[in-house]
C-alpha atoms as a PDB file:
ATOM      1  CA  MET A   1      15.504 -10.337   0.697  1.00  0.00           C
ATOM      2  CA  SER A   2      15.063 -12.781  -2.448  1.00  0.00           C
ATOM      3  CA  PRO A   3      13.376 -11.550  -5.494  1.00  0.00           C
ATOM      4  CA  THR A   4      10.705 -14.355  -5.309  1.00  0.00           C
ATOM      5  CA  LEU A   5       9.771 -12.973  -1.606  1.00  0.00           C
ATOM      6  CA  ASN A   6       9.968  -9.498  -2.392  1.00  0.00           C
ATOM      7  CA  ALA A   7       7.502 -10.200  -5.645  1.00  0.00           C
ATOM      8  CA  VAL A   8       4.996 -12.171  -3.379  1.00  0.00           C
ATOM      9  CA  LEU A   9       5.112  -9.357  -0.621  1.00  0.00           C
ATOM     10  CA  THR A  10       4.676  -6.397  -3.184  1.00  0.00           C
ATOM     11  CA  GLY A  11       1.862  -8.396  -4.371  1.00  0.00           C
ATOM     12  CA  ALA A  12       0.300  -9.027  -1.056  1.00  0.00           C
ATOM     13  CA  VAL A  13       0.604  -5.342  -0.291  1.00  0.00           C
ATOM     14  CA  ALA A  14      -0.910  -4.457  -3.787  1.00  0.00           C
ATOM     15  CA  MET A  15      -4.154  -6.618  -3.012  1.00  0.00           C
ATOM     16  CA  ALA A  16      -4.598  -5.180   0.600  1.00  0.00           C
ATOM     17  CA  SER A  17      -4.479  -1.482  -0.784  1.00  0.00           C
ATOM     18  CA  PHE A  18      -6.914  -2.892  -3.491  1.00  0.00           C
ATOM     19  CA  VAL A  19      -9.199  -4.252  -0.900  1.00  0.00           C
ATOM     20  CA  ALA A  20      -8.966  -1.230   1.059  1.00  0.00           C
ATOM     21  CA  ALA A  21      -9.843   0.721  -2.101  1.00  0.00           C
ATOM     22  CA  LEU A  22     -13.014  -1.399  -2.288  1.00  0.00           C
ATOM     23  CA  PHE A  23     -14.038  -0.737   0.995  1.00  0.00           C
ATOM     24  CA  PHE A  24     -13.852   2.836   0.652  1.00  0.00           C
ATOM     25  CA  LEU A  25     -15.723   2.944  -2.544  1.00  0.00           C
ATOM     26  CA  ARG A  26     -18.431   1.161  -0.783  1.00  0.00           C
ATOM     27  CA  PHE A  27     -18.578   3.722   1.646  1.00  0.00           C
ATOM     28  CA  TRP A  28     -18.845   6.345  -0.845  1.00  0.00           C
ATOM     29  CA  ARG A  29     -21.361   4.757  -2.184  1.00  0.00           C
ATOM     30  CA  GLN A  30     -23.463   4.783   0.621  1.00  0.00           C
ATOM     31  CA  THR A  31     -23.016   8.061   2.151  1.00  0.00           C
ATOM     32  CA  LYS A  32     -21.748  10.058  -0.943  1.00  0.00           C
ATOM     33  CA  ASP A  33     -18.955  11.921   1.037  1.00  0.00           C
ATOM     34  CA  ARG A  34     -15.868  13.035  -0.899  1.00  0.00           C
ATOM     35  CA  PHE A  35     -13.878  11.646   2.039  1.00  0.00           C
ATOM     36  CA  PHE A  36     -14.377   8.031   1.119  1.00  0.00           C
ATOM     37  CA  LEU A  37     -14.149   8.832  -2.621  1.00  0.00           C
ATOM     38  CA  LEU A  38     -10.675  10.483  -2.234  1.00  0.00           C
ATOM     39  CA  PHE A  39      -9.501   7.594   0.014  1.00  0.00           C
ATOM     40  CA  ALA A  40     -10.391   5.028  -2.501  1.00  0.00           C
ATOM     41  CA  ILE A  41      -8.965   7.006  -5.446  1.00  0.00           C
ATOM     42  CA  ALA A  42      -5.571   7.255  -2.956  1.00  0.00           C
ATOM     43  CA  PHE A  43      -5.662   3.241  -2.359  1.00  0.00           C
ATOM     44  CA  ALA A  44      -6.431   2.535  -6.011  1.00  0.00           C
ATOM     45  CA  VAL A  45      -3.162   4.793  -7.217  1.00  0.00           C
ATOM     46  CA  ASP A  46      -1.064   2.865  -4.160  1.00  0.00           C
ATOM     47  CA  ALA A  47      -2.334  -0.724  -5.586  1.00  0.00           C
ATOM     48  CA  VAL A  48      -1.678  -0.010  -8.888  1.00  0.00           C
ATOM     49  CA  SER A  49       1.723   1.336  -8.424  1.00  0.00           C
ATOM     50  CA  ARG A  50       2.670  -1.407  -6.258  1.00  0.00           C
ATOM     51  CA  PHE A  51       1.194  -4.308  -8.763  1.00  0.00           C
ATOM     52  CA  VAL A  52       3.767  -2.491 -11.550  1.00  0.00           C
ATOM     53  CA  LEU A  53       6.657  -1.918  -9.218  1.00  0.00           C
ATOM     54  CA  GLY A  54       6.298  -5.990  -8.539  1.00  0.00           C
ATOM     55  CA  LEU A  55       6.185  -6.656 -12.294  1.00  0.00           C
ATOM     56  CA  ALA A  56       8.700  -4.059 -13.380  1.00  0.00           C
ATOM     57  CA  GLN A  57      11.825  -4.804 -10.946  1.00  0.00           C
ATOM     58  CA  PRO A  58      12.946  -1.063 -11.908  1.00  0.00           C
ATOM     59  CA  SER A  59      16.481  -0.066 -11.873  1.00  0.00           C
ATOM     60  CA  SER A  60      17.577   2.504  -9.687  1.00  0.00           C
ATOM     61  CA  GLU A  61      17.021   5.187 -11.985  1.00  0.00           C
ATOM     62  CA  ALA A  62      13.529   4.782 -12.619  1.00  0.00           C
ATOM     63  CA  GLU A  63      12.465   4.150  -8.841  1.00  0.00           C
ATOM     64  CA  PRO A  64      12.050   7.812  -8.641  1.00  0.00           C
ATOM     65  CA  LEU A  65       8.984   7.564 -10.756  1.00  0.00           C
ATOM     66  CA  PHE A  66       7.395   5.166  -8.623  1.00  0.00           C
ATOM     67  CA  TYR A  67       7.970   7.561  -5.748  1.00  0.00           C
ATOM     68  CA  LEU A  68       5.735  10.082  -7.760  1.00  0.00           C
ATOM     69  CA  ALA A  69       2.656   7.727  -7.585  1.00  0.00           C
ATOM     70  CA  ARG A  70       3.473   7.474  -3.662  1.00  0.00           C
ATOM     71  CA  LEU A  71       3.268  11.377  -3.385  1.00  0.00           C
ATOM     72  CA  LEU A  72      -0.126  11.441  -5.311  1.00  0.00           C
ATOM     73  CA  THR A  73      -1.478   9.032  -2.976  1.00  0.00           C
ATOM     74  CA  PHE A  74      -0.577  10.641   0.108  1.00  0.00           C
ATOM     75  CA  GLY A  75      -1.508  14.037  -1.468  1.00  0.00           C
ATOM     76  CA  LEU A  76      -5.036  12.582  -1.988  1.00  0.00           C
ATOM     77  CA  ILE A  77      -5.134  11.457   1.684  1.00  0.00           C
ATOM     78  CA  ILE A  78      -4.064  14.711   3.005  1.00  0.00           C
ATOM     79  CA  ALA A  79      -6.576  16.357   0.651  1.00  0.00           C
ATOM     80  CA  ALA A  80      -9.282  14.384   1.943  1.00  0.00           C
ATOM     81  CA  ILE A  81      -8.578  15.192   5.663  1.00  0.00           C
ATOM     82  CA  ALA A  82      -8.090  18.689   5.106  1.00  0.00           C
ATOM     83  CA  ASP A  83     -11.426  18.824   3.101  1.00  0.00           C
ATOM     84  CA  LYS A  84     -13.404  16.967   5.684  1.00  0.00           C
ATOM     85  CA  ASN A  85     -11.965  19.299   8.354  1.00  0.00           C
ATOM     86  CA  ARG A  86     -12.784  22.633   6.666  1.00  0.00           C
ATOM     87  CA  PRO A  87     -15.535  24.507   8.133  1.00  0.00           C
ATOM     88  CA  ARG A  88     -18.874  24.401   5.998  1.00  0.00           C
ATOM     89  CA  ARG A  89     -20.577  27.283   5.100  1.00  0.00           C
ATOM     90  CA  SER A  90     -24.258  27.743   6.063  1.00  0.00           C
END
């Protein structure tokens, strides 16, 4: 894949993640449910990491650092789902 096409596709994914973060942030403002806030943060982290990845063109030595951001993203999503399914005390 050419570097230009790769950068365009990475930018498109970053934009889609940012839009998803805005939607979840809007839902959080309406409901004040932590589930939506955690999803908004997760997608914002994903958008920023993909934007930086598109600009940086990292060497193979730096690539594992970008996986830490993805680990944080998926960890937030798992935490949101686990928190939502946790039984509530009366």
